[in-house]
């Protein structure tokens, strides 16, 4: 049976493979997901924000302060 890998595992795997273009696309997708997060149930919102803080924010540092700042602000913005 296939197990679903975590976002952290996915980010680490792509990083180790040097697939930085895919990581940048994933970051942009995460920003969009965070911008439209209010349509999700509150428990799902909490999970997505935690996942973003621990898997995507550290990655965003490598792609520049604009992406990092945008993602950080979206994590802080009240959603519940």
Protein backbone atom coordinates (compact mmCIF):
# COMPACT_ATOMS: atom_id res chain seq x y z
CA UNK A 1 0.00 0.00 0.00
CA UNK A 2 1.31 3.44 -0.92
CA UNK A 3 1.64 5.90 1.91
CA UNK A 4 1.19 9.61 1.41
CA UNK A 5 4.40 11.52 2.08
CA UNK A 6 4.30 14.63 4.22
CA UNK A 7 4.91 18.09 2.82
CA UNK A 8 8.18 18.20 4.75
CA UNK A 9 9.34 14.94 3.16
CA UNK A 10 8.31 16.18 -0.29
CA UNK A 11 10.19 19.48 0.16
CA UNK A 12 13.31 17.68 1.44
CA UNK A 13 13.23 15.16 -1.39
CA UNK A 14 12.88 17.80 -4.10
CA UNK A 15 15.63 19.88 -2.47
CA UNK A 16 18.04 16.94 -2.39
CA UNK A 17 17.25 16.20 -6.04
CA UNK A 18 18.02 19.81 -6.96
CA UNK A 19 14.54 20.38 -8.37
CA UNK A 20 14.42 24.04 -7.38
CA UNK A 21 12.05 24.98 -10.18
CA UNK A 22 9.45 22.55 -8.84
CA UNK A 23 9.98 23.85 -5.31
CA UNK A 24 9.34 27.41 -6.48
CA UNK A 25 6.11 26.27 -8.14
CA UNK A 26 5.12 24.48 -4.91
CA UNK A 27 5.77 27.69 -2.94
CA UNK A 28 3.62 29.74 -5.31
CA UNK A 29 0.87 27.14 -5.04
CA UNK A 30 1.10 27.26 -1.23
CA UNK A 31 0.81 31.06 -1.29
CA UNK A 32 -2.35 30.76 -3.39
CA UNK A 33 -3.73 28.07 -1.06
CA UNK A 34 -3.07 30.30 1.94
CA UNK A 35 -4.79 33.25 0.23
CA UNK A 36 -7.95 31.16 -0.26
CA UNK A 37 -7.80 29.16 2.97
CA UNK A 38 -10.94 30.66 4.53
CA UNK A 39 -13.17 28.26 2.58
CA UNK A 40 -11.74 25.31 4.54
CA UNK A 41 -13.01 23.97 7.90
CA UNK A 42 -11.20 25.47 10.91
CA UNK A 43 -9.36 22.24 11.81
CA UNK A 44 -8.04 21.95 8.26
CA UNK A 45 -6.96 25.61 8.38
CA UNK A 46 -4.92 24.98 11.53
CA UNK A 47 -3.25 21.95 9.92
CA UNK A 48 -2.40 23.86 6.73
CA UNK A 49 -0.95 26.80 8.68
CA UNK A 50 1.22 24.48 10.80
CA UNK A 51 2.39 22.62 7.71
CA UNK A 52 3.20 25.93 6.03
CA UNK A 53 5.19 27.18 9.02
CA UNK A 54 7.28 24.03 9.37
CA UNK A 55 7.68 22.87 5.76
CA UNK A 56 7.34 25.87 3.48
CA UNK A 57 8.56 28.90 5.47
CA UNK A 58 12.08 27.48 5.92
CA UNK A 59 12.18 26.77 2.19
CA UNK A 60 10.90 30.25 1.31
CA UNK A 61 14.05 31.81 2.85
CA UNK A 62 16.09 30.40 -0.03
CA UNK A 63 13.88 32.02 -2.66
CA UNK A 64 14.03 35.54 -1.27
CA UNK A 65 12.49 37.80 1.28
CA UNK A 66 9.43 38.70 -0.83
CA UNK A 67 8.18 35.12 -0.92
CA UNK A 68 9.14 34.52 2.70
CA UNK A 69 7.41 37.69 3.90
CA UNK A 70 4.24 36.96 1.93
CA UNK A 71 4.01 33.44 3.34
CA UNK A 72 4.80 34.61 6.88
CA UNK A 73 2.06 37.27 6.72
CA UNK A 74 -0.45 34.74 5.44
CA UNK A 75 0.37 32.44 8.38
CA UNK A 76 -0.26 35.27 10.84
CA UNK A 77 -3.46 36.55 9.25
CA UNK A 78 -6.46 35.44 11.35
CA UNK A 79 -8.43 32.82 9.47
CA UNK A 80 -10.76 31.36 12.08
